[in-house]
Each structure stands twice: as structure tokens, then as C-alpha cells.
């Protein structure tokens, strides 16, 4: 069975976000209406949608977890809809292992709905495991309401014109933060070009940017890996990659190619190798996790960190200050050579082809998340008096008056307040005039998110082919190994690409490119 083959291959599409059309035809859908009466819109097919008695969902840790009182979340959702909601929620780190096992076990064991990242979304769509919701979305009350501000985000998730999953937020992306105190201590202006950026890293590494009286005990930049594990891959070191890309991409002429094989990627590898050899890039970057980088940043070990826009701007600032460091950060506009940041492809809520009532699940589960009312509040902020409140009280060091919306202390991480539940309010793809928490967003987060949104482009979603499913896992492993050898071990670019040829990388790459272009020309 093909789903078992996908599991055996480990869903190794990490360098490609994969996909193509398949699935069932969709019926006309109505706008979801929550149990509180918050309607998204009306359509002529409203009476045709049968309300499900029960919905089963497979979700990751981005949805309210057990430790954060998921039982209360589930109870509130069921109050609003009158539908029994069953959660299957494995540990976050094991999520895609469970997803693979679930699909491989056969349709009788599939959930009604599932959260999928881009690479898994495209792969399972190709295999016919996901319901085609194109017509349902096109005829939905939500789309007709005029409230959708992120229709381009939804359109970007279409595979050959078909939609198999709905993103409920933007994908967001990473923006480069620089410690202002370090710039000031080194007498530097905010860099606008790569030469200025390089000079900043040099001063942060060889000078005394932290002002402790010791030269050379810091370094410029760190990252959780030299290359990312999912699209857009280059988001943690964009200034070094610039216009280069390590995976498959469609050119302006409509022709697919492998960015790893182009000269501009070799130039990016040269920049990365030079930065690493000079000590400007953290020597542990290859093995760093995100938490490792954050802790080093808080300890003032380095001064430039490309990390998520929005809420994380505030988190980085507050954690620096908790460590007794200066928390003022400058969010850089993309360098002249970089052009734009890249927005991550968002996860989607998809409905499996095993679902008996996909239109009902779409209406009452997925579309209702964006109702602009009680349900959107639930998915964004959680349950009243558990995750948020308007009662007069002091939470940690913050005192709130009666009627003032505020977030409660985290059950999972005591000593911190919640910032959101499943959906980040700053990444909403709809107008939300009744957002009760709109005044709780810190100014630093707003500025960071606004900067990113004005200076980003969306990552491309790449359709899958049988050839890609067969070879791209091994190809990705080979590419990542060559990147590490060039950057960390310092081998020559020429020797790296000789290995690419000798170990079948060039052959696999061309086979995948040919299959993508053949598929495109056949449409």
C-alpha cells in the first residue's frame, strides 16, 4: 500500500514541500455558525450541510495540551457546537511518527481532520489521503464575507489549483534581531548591505561589544543549524544565503530547477564557510537547537539572532532583561543583497478521505475557527478564567482592573503568562474587529511583525512526484552533508560538488527536476 511506502521512506520530503492533486470532489459549503450564534456568513447551500455528531482530530502540541487543561478547552468547544470532539494528541516531538503510522495503518484508523506541515500535506495529498476542499472553500460564507485578508496565503496552498487543507493563520517567518547596546558599544550603525553586516559580525567577534572589558570573548551570530529542515530552509542565516536556495524552485519562466546546483548557491556556501572559519558564526551552529541559541543569546554570548517575528521579539527582550542584560533589539530590514525575508509555508487543517461528512467537519471545525466570535477567541486565547480572564486580579507582577482582558499564568510554564493558544492573533488571515486581546500585544511584537510582513515573500509550495518521493530523502541527506563539510570542515566547493556527482546527487536532482517539469507540462 502506498501509505506504508511513505512511512517506510520516513516521509523524507524535508527539502521539498511535496504534493499534487487527488482526493474527492467537494460539495458546496455553508458558513460555519458556532453554538454561540457567531456566524461567518450565509450561502444558499446552508441547509445541505449535516451537522456531525462527533469529530475526531489528530493534532500536535500547537493545540492546547493536556497540561494546559485541554479538557476545559474540549468542554468549551463542545458547548459552542453541540458536537463530541475527540482529540488524538501525541507528544509534539513524536507527532509525525504517529502521523505516518496512522496513515500506514489504513483508512479505518484515520481521523476526520488532521494538522499537517507543508511537506506532509503535499505528500498525503498526492497519495489521495486528503479531501479536496476547493469547491467548499470557493463557495464558503467565510470567503464571501469580505473578512479574509490572507486569501493569498490560502491560494499559495493550492496544488495544481486544488486545495486540500486550510491554513488558519499566516506562516510567519524569521527576522534578524541585533542587540542595540552592542551596536552602540562598537560605534556601529544598523547595517544595510552585506559588507556592513560582515563588519558588524567582525566587531562583535573581535571587539568588546558586551562592554565587559575583554576583547574576543563573544561572537557575531548563531543559528539552530546551517540549513533548515523545512521550507524555507535558509531562514536562520538569510544574510549569508541571500538569493540562493538549496531546494527545488520554479523560475519566473515557469520552469523548475534545483537551487543547490546553481552558482549563487556555491557563492552562499563560500560566504558561510568564510564566516565560520573567521569565528563570526557560532562553531556549534551545526548541532544547535533553537533553545541552545536562545540561551546563548540571553547569556550575551552573541549579538545577532535571526528568529521568529512577532511574539518572539518580546520574548527575547524580556528574557535578556531577566538575565540582567540590555533588552533593546533592532529588527533589521533585509539587506540590499537579501531583498526580502521568506515567509514559512503555514501548517494546514486537512480532512482525510476517510471522513464520512467532510463538508460538516469543514464547517463546524475548521471554518468556525475564523468566526470572529467565541470560537476564534477559544482557538486563539483559550478558555475564560483558565487561560485568560477579565476579572480584577494580579497575575505574576501585573495588576489588572475589572473588565480588562489579560492572559493568565501558564500552567505548563509557571512564572510566565500565556501569549496565545493555537492561533497567534498577529498572524490572523481575517479581520477580527471583536478581538478581545488586541490591546495585550506588546509594541515590540507589533513592530517586529509589521517589519516582517512588509518585507517578506511567501515560500513556494513544491508539488510532489513519484520520482521525488523515491529519491528526495537521500538527496536531501547528501546535500546537508555536503553543506556541513564545506562550511564546518572547510572542504573546497569543487570537492563538495564532485562528491555530489559521484554519489548520484546530480543524477537524482535532474530526475526530480525532469519529473516536476513533465508534470507541469502535462497540466
Protein backbone atom coordinates (compact mmCIF):
# COMPACT_ATOMS: atom_id res chain seq x y z
CA UNK A 1 0.00 0.00 0.00
CA UNK A 2 1.37 3.41 -0.92
CA UNK A 3 0.82 4.85 2.57
CA UNK A 4 3.04 2.16 4.03
CA UNK A 5 5.69 3.02 1.44
CA UNK A 6 5.51 6.64 2.56
CA UNK A 7 6.03 5.61 6.17
CA UNK A 8 8.94 3.36 5.24
CA UNK A 9 10.55 6.27 3.42
CA UNK A 10 10.16 8.36 6.57
CA UNK A 11 8.16 10.91 4.63
CA UNK A 12 11.58 12.14 3.50
CA UNK A 13 10.46 15.24 1.72
CA UNK A 14 12.08 17.75 4.01
CA UNK A 15 13.90 19.54 1.19
CA UNK A 16 10.84 19.86 -0.93
CA UNK A 17 7.36 20.53 0.34
CA UNK A 18 5.52 17.91 -1.80
CA UNK A 19 2.14 17.46 -3.50
CA UNK A 20 -0.39 17.05 -6.28
CA UNK A 21 -3.98 16.70 -6.99
CA UNK A 22 -6.08 13.87 -5.73
CA UNK A 23 -8.93 13.38 -3.34
CA UNK A 24 -12.69 13.64 -3.53
CA UNK A 25 -14.84 16.24 -5.16
CA UNK A 26 -16.25 18.80 -2.76
CA UNK A 27 -19.83 19.89 -2.33
CA UNK A 28 -20.98 23.44 -1.84
CA UNK A 29 -20.43 24.51 1.74
CA UNK A 30 -22.08 26.93 4.07
CA UNK A 31 -20.52 29.29 6.54
CA UNK A 32 -19.90 27.85 9.97
CA UNK A 33 -22.00 29.04 12.85
CA UNK A 34 -20.80 28.39 16.37
CA UNK A 35 -23.04 27.38 19.20
CA UNK A 36 -22.92 30.98 20.43
CA UNK A 37 -24.53 32.17 17.22
CA UNK A 38 -21.39 33.75 15.76
CA UNK A 39 -21.96 33.32 12.02
CA UNK A 40 -19.23 33.77 9.44
CA UNK A 41 -21.64 34.14 6.55
CA UNK A 42 -24.55 32.64 4.64
CA UNK A 43 -24.68 30.57 1.47
CA UNK A 44 -27.55 29.06 -0.45
CA UNK A 45 -26.32 25.58 0.42
CA UNK A 46 -26.54 26.15 4.17
CA UNK A 47 -29.29 23.60 4.78
CA UNK A 48 -27.41 20.92 2.84
CA UNK A 49 -24.65 20.57 5.43
CA UNK A 50 -25.27 17.86 8.00
CA UNK A 51 -24.01 18.63 11.48
CA UNK A 52 -21.61 15.90 12.64
CA UNK A 53 -22.35 14.09 15.88
CA UNK A 54 -18.65 13.53 16.53
CA UNK A 55 -15.35 14.76 15.06
CA UNK A 56 -12.01 13.05 15.64
CA UNK A 57 -8.86 15.15 15.24
CA UNK A 58 -5.15 14.29 15.20
CA UNK A 59 -3.21 17.34 16.42
CA UNK A 60 0.27 18.36 17.54
CA UNK A 61 1.35 20.42 20.52
CA UNK A 62 0.34 23.71 18.91
CA UNK A 63 -3.20 22.92 20.07
CA UNK A 64 -3.93 23.28 23.79
CA UNK A 65 -2.29 20.33 25.52
CA UNK A 66 -3.36 18.16 28.45
CA UNK A 67 -1.03 20.00 30.82
CA UNK A 68 -2.63 23.29 29.75
CA UNK A 69 -6.10 21.89 30.55
CA UNK A 70 -7.18 20.60 27.18
CA UNK A 71 -10.18 19.04 28.92
CA UNK A 72 -11.56 22.51 29.61
CA UNK A 73 -10.87 23.55 26.01
CA UNK A 74 -12.69 20.47 24.71
CA UNK A 75 -15.64 21.09 27.03
CA UNK A 76 -15.98 24.70 25.90
CA UNK A 77 -15.75 23.71 22.22
CA UNK A 78 -18.49 21.13 22.70
CA UNK A 79 -20.66 23.72 24.47
CA UNK A 80 -20.35 26.04 21.47
CA UNK A 81 -21.11 23.37 18.86
CA UNK A 82 -23.07 20.56 20.47
CA UNK A 83 -20.64 18.13 18.82
CA UNK A 84 -18.49 15.49 20.51
CA UNK A 85 -14.81 16.31 19.87
CA UNK A 86 -12.21 13.57 20.29
CA UNK A 87 -8.54 14.54 20.45
CA UNK A 88 -5.63 12.33 19.47
CA UNK A 89 -2.57 14.31 20.59
CA UNK A 90 0.79 12.54 20.79
CA UNK A 91 3.90 14.18 22.20
CA UNK A 92 4.86 17.10 19.98
CA UNK A 93 8.30 15.71 19.08
CA UNK A 94 6.80 12.36 18.06
CA UNK A 95 3.90 13.82 16.13
CA UNK A 96 4.91 12.96 12.59
CA UNK A 97 5.98 9.45 13.56
CA UNK A 98 2.42 8.92 14.78
CA UNK A 99 1.00 10.59 11.65
CA UNK A 100 2.96 8.19 9.44
CA UNK A 101 1.90 5.16 11.48
CA UNK A 102 -1.72 6.29 11.43
CA UNK A 103 -1.90 6.67 7.67
CA UNK A 104 0.00 3.42 7.14
CA UNK A 105 -2.48 1.54 9.31
CA UNK A 106 -5.29 2.11 6.82
CA UNK A 107 -8.34 4.38 6.37
CA UNK A 108 -10.35 2.66 9.12
CA UNK A 109 -7.95 4.24 11.62
CA UNK A 110 -7.71 7.71 10.10
CA UNK A 111 -9.05 10.75 11.96
CA UNK A 112 -11.63 13.06 10.42
CA UNK A 113 -9.24 16.02 10.50
CA UNK A 114 -5.51 16.49 10.96
CA UNK A 115 -2.88 19.21 11.24
CA UNK A 116 -0.10 18.86 8.64
CA UNK A 117 3.04 20.83 7.85
CA UNK A 118 3.69 21.63 4.21
CA UNK A 119 5.85 18.64 3.26
CA UNK A 120 3.44 16.13 4.76
CA UNK A 121 0.44 17.99 3.38
CA UNK A 122 1.75 17.74 -0.15
CA UNK A 123 2.78 14.12 0.20
CA UNK A 124 -0.53 12.89 1.61
CA UNK A 125 -2.48 14.95 -0.91
CA UNK A 126 -0.60 13.16 -3.68
CA UNK A 127 -1.45 9.81 -2.14
CA UNK A 128 -5.17 10.59 -2.17
CA UNK A 129 -5.45 10.68 1.61
CA UNK A 130 -6.81 14.25 1.83
CA UNK A 131 -10.23 15.53 0.82
CA UNK A 132 -10.32 18.16 -1.92
CA UNK A 133 -11.96 21.19 -0.31
CA UNK A 134 -11.55 23.55 -3.29
CA UNK A 135 -15.22 23.96 -4.12
CA UNK A 136 -16.19 24.10 -0.47
CA UNK A 137 -13.77 26.96 0.16
CA UNK A 138 -14.73 28.79 -3.03
CA UNK A 139 -18.42 28.69 -2.10
CA UNK A 140 -17.98 29.28 1.61
CA UNK A 141 -19.57 32.03 3.61
CA UNK A 142 -16.14 32.88 5.01
CA UNK A 143 -14.72 33.63 1.58
CA UNK A 144 -17.84 35.62 0.64
CA UNK A 145 -17.79 37.59 3.91
CA UNK A 146 -15.07 40.04 2.89
CA UNK A 147 -13.30 39.38 6.21
CA UNK A 148 -10.44 37.34 4.73
CA UNK A 149 -7.21 39.34 4.50
CA UNK A 150 -4.94 36.39 3.73
CA UNK A 151 -6.52 34.89 0.64
CA UNK A 152 -3.08 34.88 -0.97
CA UNK A 153 -1.89 32.61 1.85
CA UNK A 154 -4.73 30.19 1.11
CA UNK A 155 -4.13 30.34 -2.64
CA UNK A 156 -0.46 29.53 -2.06
CA UNK A 157 -1.52 26.20 -0.53
CA UNK A 158 -3.26 25.07 -3.71
CA UNK A 159 -1.72 22.19 -5.57
CA UNK A 160 -2.35 22.49 -9.29
CA UNK A 161 -5.35 24.62 -8.44
CA UNK A 162 -6.74 22.28 -5.78
CA UNK A 163 -6.94 22.99 -2.05
CA UNK A 164 -6.54 20.05 0.32
CA UNK A 165 -6.05 21.92 3.57
CA UNK A 166 -6.89 25.33 5.02
CA UNK A 167 -4.29 27.44 6.84
CA UNK A 168 -5.93 29.33 9.71
CA UNK A 169 -3.02 31.75 10.17
CA UNK A 170 -0.13 33.13 8.16
CA UNK A 171 3.05 31.07 8.20
CA UNK A 172 5.18 33.86 9.68
CA UNK A 173 8.93 33.80 9.38
CA UNK A 174 12.24 34.87 10.85
CA UNK A 175 13.64 38.38 11.10
CA UNK A 176 17.15 39.38 12.14
CA UNK A 177 17.47 40.94 15.62
CA UNK A 178 20.60 42.86 16.67
CA UNK A 179 21.43 43.97 20.20
CA UNK A 180 21.38 47.77 20.12
CA UNK A 181 23.76 48.07 23.07
CA UNK A 182 26.34 46.07 21.12
CA UNK A 183 25.98 48.35 18.10
CA UNK A 184 26.42 51.37 20.37
CA UNK A 185 29.42 49.90 22.19
CA UNK A 186 31.13 49.26 18.86
CA UNK A 187 30.13 52.63 17.37
CA UNK A 188 28.24 50.96 14.53
CA UNK A 189 25.20 51.95 12.50
CA UNK A 190 22.46 49.47 11.60
CA UNK A 191 23.81 47.51 8.60
CA UNK A 192 22.08 47.79 5.24
CA UNK A 193 24.50 45.86 3.00
CA UNK A 194 26.37 42.57 3.33
CA UNK A 195 29.71 44.34 3.72
CA UNK A 196 28.30 46.35 6.63
CA UNK A 197 26.78 43.18 8.10
CA UNK A 198 30.13 41.38 7.81
CA UNK A 199 31.92 44.25 9.50
CA UNK A 200 29.35 44.17 12.33
CA UNK A 201 29.99 40.45 12.86
CA UNK A 202 33.75 41.13 12.86
CA UNK A 203 33.41 43.81 15.56
CA UNK A 204 31.04 41.63 17.63
CA UNK A 205 33.56 38.77 17.48
CA UNK A 206 36.90 40.53 17.82
CA UNK A 207 35.94 43.60 19.86
CA UNK A 208 34.22 44.17 23.20
CA UNK A 209 30.53 44.58 22.26
CA UNK A 210 29.22 43.43 25.64
CA UNK A 211 31.36 46.01 27.45
CA UNK A 212 32.96 43.60 29.91
CA UNK A 213 36.46 44.86 29.17
CA UNK A 214 37.57 41.73 27.31
CA UNK A 215 38.08 41.63 23.55
CA UNK A 216 37.21 38.49 21.61
CA UNK A 217 35.11 36.58 24.16
CA UNK A 218 31.91 36.89 22.10
CA UNK A 219 30.91 36.09 18.52
CA UNK A 220 28.63 37.58 15.93
CA UNK A 221 25.80 35.21 15.06
CA UNK A 222 24.38 31.82 15.93
CA UNK A 223 21.63 29.69 14.40
CA UNK A 224 19.82 26.39 15.02
CA UNK A 225 21.51 24.64 12.11
CA UNK A 226 23.29 25.76 8.97
CA UNK A 227 20.33 24.77 6.81
CA UNK A 228 16.75 24.31 7.98
CA UNK A 229 14.74 21.10 8.00
CA UNK A 230 11.67 22.56 6.28
CA UNK A 231 10.88 25.28 3.77
CA UNK A 232 12.18 27.93 3.51
CA UNK A 233 15.41 26.22 4.77
CA UNK A 234 17.57 29.39 4.70
CA UNK A 235 15.55 31.43 7.19
CA UNK A 236 18.02 31.31 10.11
CA UNK A 237 21.02 32.67 8.16
CA UNK A 238 19.43 34.75 5.37
CA UNK A 239 22.24 37.28 5.11
CA UNK A 240 24.67 34.55 4.05
CA UNK A 241 22.31 32.78 1.67
CA UNK A 242 20.89 35.96 0.10
CA UNK A 243 19.26 34.94 -3.23
CA UNK A 244 20.43 31.30 -3.05
CA UNK A 245 18.12 28.39 -2.21
CA UNK A 246 19.04 24.74 -1.54
CA UNK A 247 15.88 23.06 -2.81
CA UNK A 248 13.56 22.90 -5.82
CA UNK A 249 12.05 26.13 -7.03
CA UNK A 250 10.13 27.34 -10.05
CA UNK A 251 11.69 30.20 -12.00
CA UNK A 252 9.84 33.18 -13.44
CA UNK A 253 9.77 31.29 -16.74
CA UNK A 254 7.68 28.56 -15.13
CA UNK A 255 10.50 26.00 -15.27
CA UNK A 256 11.54 24.03 -12.18
CA UNK A 257 15.20 23.77 -11.15
CA UNK A 258 17.28 22.69 -8.16
CA UNK A 259 18.75 25.75 -6.47
CA UNK A 260 21.53 23.66 -4.94
CA UNK A 261 23.10 23.22 -8.40
CA UNK A 262 23.29 26.93 -9.23
CA UNK A 263 26.31 29.22 -8.98
CA UNK A 264 24.60 31.53 -6.48
CA UNK A 265 24.33 28.63 -4.03
CA UNK A 266 28.05 27.97 -4.36
CA UNK A 267 28.61 31.65 -3.58
CA UNK A 268 26.40 31.29 -0.50
CA UNK A 269 28.45 28.31 0.67
CA UNK A 270 31.60 30.39 0.24
CA UNK A 271 30.17 33.16 2.44
CA UNK A 272 29.09 30.65 5.09
CA UNK A 273 32.49 28.92 5.09
CA UNK A 274 34.31 32.25 5.42
CA UNK A 275 32.05 33.34 8.30
CA UNK A 276 32.54 30.05 10.10
CA UNK A 277 36.29 29.98 9.59
CA UNK A 278 36.61 33.53 10.90
CA UNK A 279 34.69 32.59 14.04
CA UNK A 280 31.92 35.05 13.30
CA UNK A 281 29.40 32.17 13.15
CA UNK A 282 28.97 30.10 16.30
CA UNK A 283 31.13 26.96 16.00
CA UNK A 284 28.24 24.88 17.40
CA UNK A 285 25.74 26.05 14.77
CA UNK A 286 25.64 22.66 13.04
CA UNK A 287 24.31 20.92 16.17
CA UNK A 288 22.48 23.78 17.89
CA UNK A 289 18.80 23.50 18.72
CA UNK A 290 16.61 26.59 18.96
CA UNK A 291 16.75 26.51 22.76
CA UNK A 292 20.54 26.35 22.69
CA UNK A 293 20.65 29.52 20.60
CA UNK A 294 18.15 31.35 22.77
CA UNK A 295 20.08 30.53 25.94
CA UNK A 296 23.37 31.72 24.42
CA UNK A 297 21.65 34.91 23.26
CA UNK A 298 20.31 35.56 26.77
CA UNK A 299 23.80 34.97 28.20
CA UNK A 300 25.26 37.63 25.85
CA UNK A 301 27.47 35.17 24.01
CA UNK A 302 26.47 36.57 20.61
CA UNK A 303 24.71 39.64 19.27
CA UNK A 304 22.83 38.78 16.04
CA UNK A 305 19.96 36.30 16.06
CA UNK A 306 17.58 35.62 13.19
CA UNK A 307 14.44 34.29 14.83
CA UNK A 308 10.67 34.44 14.59
CA UNK A 309 8.95 37.78 14.07
CA UNK A 310 6.16 38.97 16.33
CA UNK A 311 5.76 37.49 19.81
CA UNK A 312 9.36 36.32 19.93
CA UNK A 313 10.60 39.90 19.72
CA UNK A 314 9.01 40.46 23.11
CA UNK A 315 10.15 37.10 24.48
CA UNK A 316 13.77 37.74 23.52
CA UNK A 317 13.67 41.22 25.03
CA UNK A 318 12.11 40.13 28.33
CA UNK A 319 14.42 37.13 28.77
CA UNK A 320 17.51 39.26 28.17
CA UNK A 321 16.30 41.64 30.85
CA UNK A 322 15.59 38.77 33.25
CA UNK A 323 19.24 37.80 32.78
CA UNK A 324 20.34 41.32 33.68
CA UNK A 325 21.19 42.24 30.07
CA UNK A 326 20.07 45.17 27.94
CA UNK A 327 16.93 44.03 26.13
CA UNK A 328 16.68 46.63 23.37
CA UNK A 329 16.78 44.94 19.96
CA UNK A 330 16.88 46.34 16.45
CA UNK A 331 14.86 44.39 13.87
CA UNK A 332 16.79 44.65 10.61
CA UNK A 333 15.23 45.31 7.27
CA UNK A 334 16.50 42.74 4.75
CA UNK A 335 19.98 43.60 3.49
CA UNK A 336 20.23 45.04 -0.02
CA UNK A 337 21.60 41.72 -1.27
CA UNK A 338 18.96 39.66 0.56
CA UNK A 339 15.98 41.56 -0.85
CA UNK A 340 13.23 40.02 1.27
CA UNK A 341 12.73 37.62 4.12
CA UNK A 342 10.80 34.45 3.27
CA UNK A 343 7.51 33.57 4.93
CA UNK A 344 7.19 29.96 6.02
CA UNK A 345 4.50 27.82 4.43
CA UNK A 346 1.89 27.53 7.19
CA UNK A 347 0.55 24.26 8.55
CA UNK A 348 -2.95 23.39 7.40
CA UNK A 349 -6.02 21.76 8.81
CA UNK A 350 -6.89 18.96 6.40
CA UNK A 351 -9.75 16.46 6.24
CA UNK A 352 -9.00 12.85 5.37
CA UNK A 353 -10.78 10.98 2.61
CA UNK A 354 -11.95 8.52 5.26
CA UNK A 355 -14.17 11.21 6.80
CA UNK A 356 -17.87 10.40 6.22
CA UNK A 357 -19.06 14.03 6.41
CA UNK A 358 -16.19 16.26 5.20
CA UNK A 359 -18.42 19.29 4.50
CA UNK A 360 -19.74 19.15 8.06
CA UNK A 361 -16.25 18.85 9.52
CA UNK A 362 -15.08 21.75 7.35
CA UNK A 363 -17.94 23.96 8.52
CA UNK A 364 -18.13 23.14 12.22
CA UNK A 365 -14.44 22.53 12.93
CA UNK A 366 -12.14 24.34 10.52
CA UNK A 367 -14.05 27.33 9.22
CA UNK A 368 -15.56 28.07 12.62
CA UNK A 369 -12.04 28.81 13.94
CA UNK A 370 -12.25 32.08 11.99
CA UNK A 371 -15.78 33.11 13.01
CA UNK A 372 -14.72 36.43 14.56
CA UNK A 373 -16.52 35.44 17.75
CA UNK A 374 -16.46 32.95 20.60
CA UNK A 375 -14.83 30.15 18.62
CA UNK A 376 -11.98 32.29 17.30
CA UNK A 377 -11.42 33.55 20.83
CA UNK A 378 -11.27 29.96 22.09
CA UNK A 379 -8.72 28.82 19.49
CA UNK A 380 -6.65 31.98 19.93
CA UNK A 381 -6.67 32.61 23.68
CA UNK A 382 -8.20 29.51 25.24
CA UNK A 383 -10.82 29.17 27.96
CA UNK A 384 -12.01 32.06 30.12
CA UNK A 385 -10.66 32.02 33.69
CA UNK A 386 -8.18 29.27 32.77
CA UNK A 387 -6.06 30.77 30.01
CA UNK A 388 -7.48 34.32 30.08
CA UNK A 389 -9.77 36.47 32.21
CA UNK A 390 -11.36 39.90 32.63
CA UNK A 391 -11.56 39.69 36.42
CA UNK A 392 -9.67 42.11 38.65
CA UNK A 393 -6.52 40.32 39.76
CA UNK A 394 -2.74 40.31 39.83
CA UNK A 395 -1.00 37.82 37.56
CA UNK A 396 2.67 37.49 38.39
CA UNK A 397 3.78 41.14 38.65
CA UNK A 398 0.94 42.59 36.58
CA UNK A 399 -2.25 44.00 38.12
CA UNK A 400 -5.45 44.21 36.09
CA UNK A 401 -8.69 46.04 36.81
CA UNK A 402 -12.17 44.60 36.49
CA UNK A 403 -13.16 44.14 32.86
CA UNK A 404 -9.59 44.31 31.49
CA UNK A 405 -8.73 41.37 29.24
CA UNK A 406 -5.50 39.66 30.21
CA UNK A 407 -3.77 36.30 29.89
CA UNK A 408 -3.31 34.03 32.88
CA UNK A 409 -0.18 32.39 34.22
CA UNK A 410 0.85 29.41 32.14
CA UNK A 411 0.00 26.01 33.61
CA UNK A 412 2.86 24.43 31.66
CA UNK A 413 5.47 27.12 32.34
CA UNK A 414 4.73 28.74 35.73
CA UNK A 415 6.25 32.18 36.09
CA UNK A 416 5.20 33.22 32.58
CA UNK A 417 1.91 34.37 31.11
CA UNK A 418 0.28 32.83 28.09
CA UNK A 419 0.68 34.69 24.81
CA UNK A 420 -1.75 32.58 22.75
CA UNK A 421 -3.18 29.11 22.33
CA UNK A 422 -3.41 27.52 18.86
CA UNK A 423 -3.65 30.64 16.69
CA UNK A 424 -1.38 33.66 17.01
CA UNK A 425 -3.62 36.76 16.86
CA UNK A 426 -0.94 38.70 14.96
CA UNK A 427 -0.97 36.09 12.20
CA UNK A 428 -4.70 36.09 11.62
CA UNK A 429 -5.82 35.80 7.98
CA UNK A 430 -9.14 37.51 8.73
CA UNK A 431 -10.28 40.86 10.02
CA UNK A 432 -11.19 40.39 13.65
CA UNK A 433 -12.88 43.52 14.92
CA UNK A 434 -14.01 41.93 18.18
CA UNK A 435 -10.60 40.55 19.14
CA UNK A 436 -10.74 40.84 22.94
CA UNK A 437 -6.97 40.65 23.34
CA UNK A 438 -5.91 43.14 20.69
CA UNK A 439 -4.59 45.57 23.33
CA UNK A 440 -2.44 42.94 25.04
CA UNK A 441 0.13 42.67 22.24
CA UNK A 442 3.41 44.31 23.19
CA UNK A 443 4.66 47.15 20.99
CA UNK A 444 7.94 45.34 20.30
CA UNK A 445 5.99 42.36 18.93
CA UNK A 446 3.80 44.58 16.76
CA UNK A 447 6.81 46.42 15.32
CA UNK A 448 8.65 43.19 14.57
CA UNK A 449 5.64 41.59 12.90
CA UNK A 450 4.90 44.71 10.87
CA UNK A 451 8.52 44.89 9.72
CA UNK A 452 8.46 41.26 8.62
CA UNK A 453 5.08 41.47 6.86
CA UNK A 454 6.23 44.47 4.83
CA UNK A 455 9.49 42.82 3.78
CA UNK A 456 8.66 39.18 3.05
CA UNK A 457 7.63 36.88 0.24
CA UNK A 458 5.95 33.51 0.57
CA UNK A 459 7.90 30.31 0.16
CA UNK A 460 6.83 28.22 -2.82
CA UNK A 461 4.97 25.00 -2.27
CA UNK A 462 6.50 22.27 -4.41
CA UNK A 463 4.34 19.55 -5.96
CA UNK A 464 5.49 16.00 -5.40
CA UNK A 465 6.11 13.31 -7.97
CA UNK A 466 6.81 9.61 -7.66
CA UNK A 467 10.43 10.32 -8.54
CA UNK A 468 10.69 12.92 -5.79
CA UNK A 469 9.13 10.57 -3.25
CA UNK A 470 11.69 7.93 -4.20
CA UNK A 471 14.91 9.98 -4.27
CA UNK A 472 14.48 13.26 -2.43
CA UNK A 473 15.11 11.86 1.04
CA UNK A 474 18.55 10.53 0.10
CA UNK A 475 19.22 13.65 -1.97
CA UNK A 476 18.44 15.90 0.97
CA UNK A 477 20.71 13.91 3.28
CA UNK A 478 23.54 14.18 0.75
CA UNK A 479 23.04 17.93 0.26
CA UNK A 480 23.05 18.57 4.00
CA UNK A 481 26.20 16.50 4.44
CA UNK A 482 27.99 18.44 1.68
CA UNK A 483 26.88 21.77 3.15
CA UNK A 484 28.29 20.71 6.54
CA UNK A 485 31.56 19.53 5.00
CA UNK A 486 32.07 22.79 3.12
CA UNK A 487 31.09 25.12 5.95
CA UNK A 488 32.41 23.28 9.02
CA UNK A 489 35.21 21.11 7.64
CA UNK A 490 36.30 23.73 5.12
CA UNK A 491 36.50 21.43 2.08
CA UNK A 492 36.53 23.21 -1.25
CA UNK A 493 33.37 23.98 -3.18
CA UNK A 494 34.81 22.00 -6.09
CA UNK A 495 35.35 18.89 -3.96
CA UNK A 496 31.87 19.22 -2.47
CA UNK A 497 30.22 19.20 -5.88
CA UNK A 498 32.48 16.38 -7.10
CA UNK A 499 31.00 14.35 -4.26
CA UNK A 500 27.53 15.47 -5.37
CA UNK A 501 28.25 13.96 -8.79
CA UNK A 502 29.97 10.82 -7.50
CA UNK A 503 27.24 9.90 -5.01
CA UNK A 504 24.36 10.28 -7.51
CA UNK A 505 23.18 13.66 -6.20
CA UNK A 506 23.34 15.33 -9.59
CA UNK A 507 21.54 12.39 -11.19
CA UNK A 508 18.73 12.32 -8.60
CA UNK A 509 18.40 16.10 -8.75
CA UNK A 510 17.97 16.12 -12.52
CA UNK A 511 15.50 13.24 -12.39
CA UNK A 512 13.35 15.16 -9.91
CA UNK A 513 13.57 18.38 -11.92
CA UNK A 514 12.56 16.50 -15.08
CA UNK A 515 9.61 14.89 -13.29
CA UNK A 516 8.41 18.27 -11.97
CA UNK A 517 8.61 19.89 -15.39
CA UNK A 518 6.95 16.91 -17.09
CA UNK A 519 4.14 17.11 -14.58
CA UNK A 520 3.77 20.84 -15.15
CA UNK A 521 3.70 20.50 -18.93
CA UNK A 522 1.07 17.76 -18.68
CA UNK A 523 -1.42 20.04 -16.92
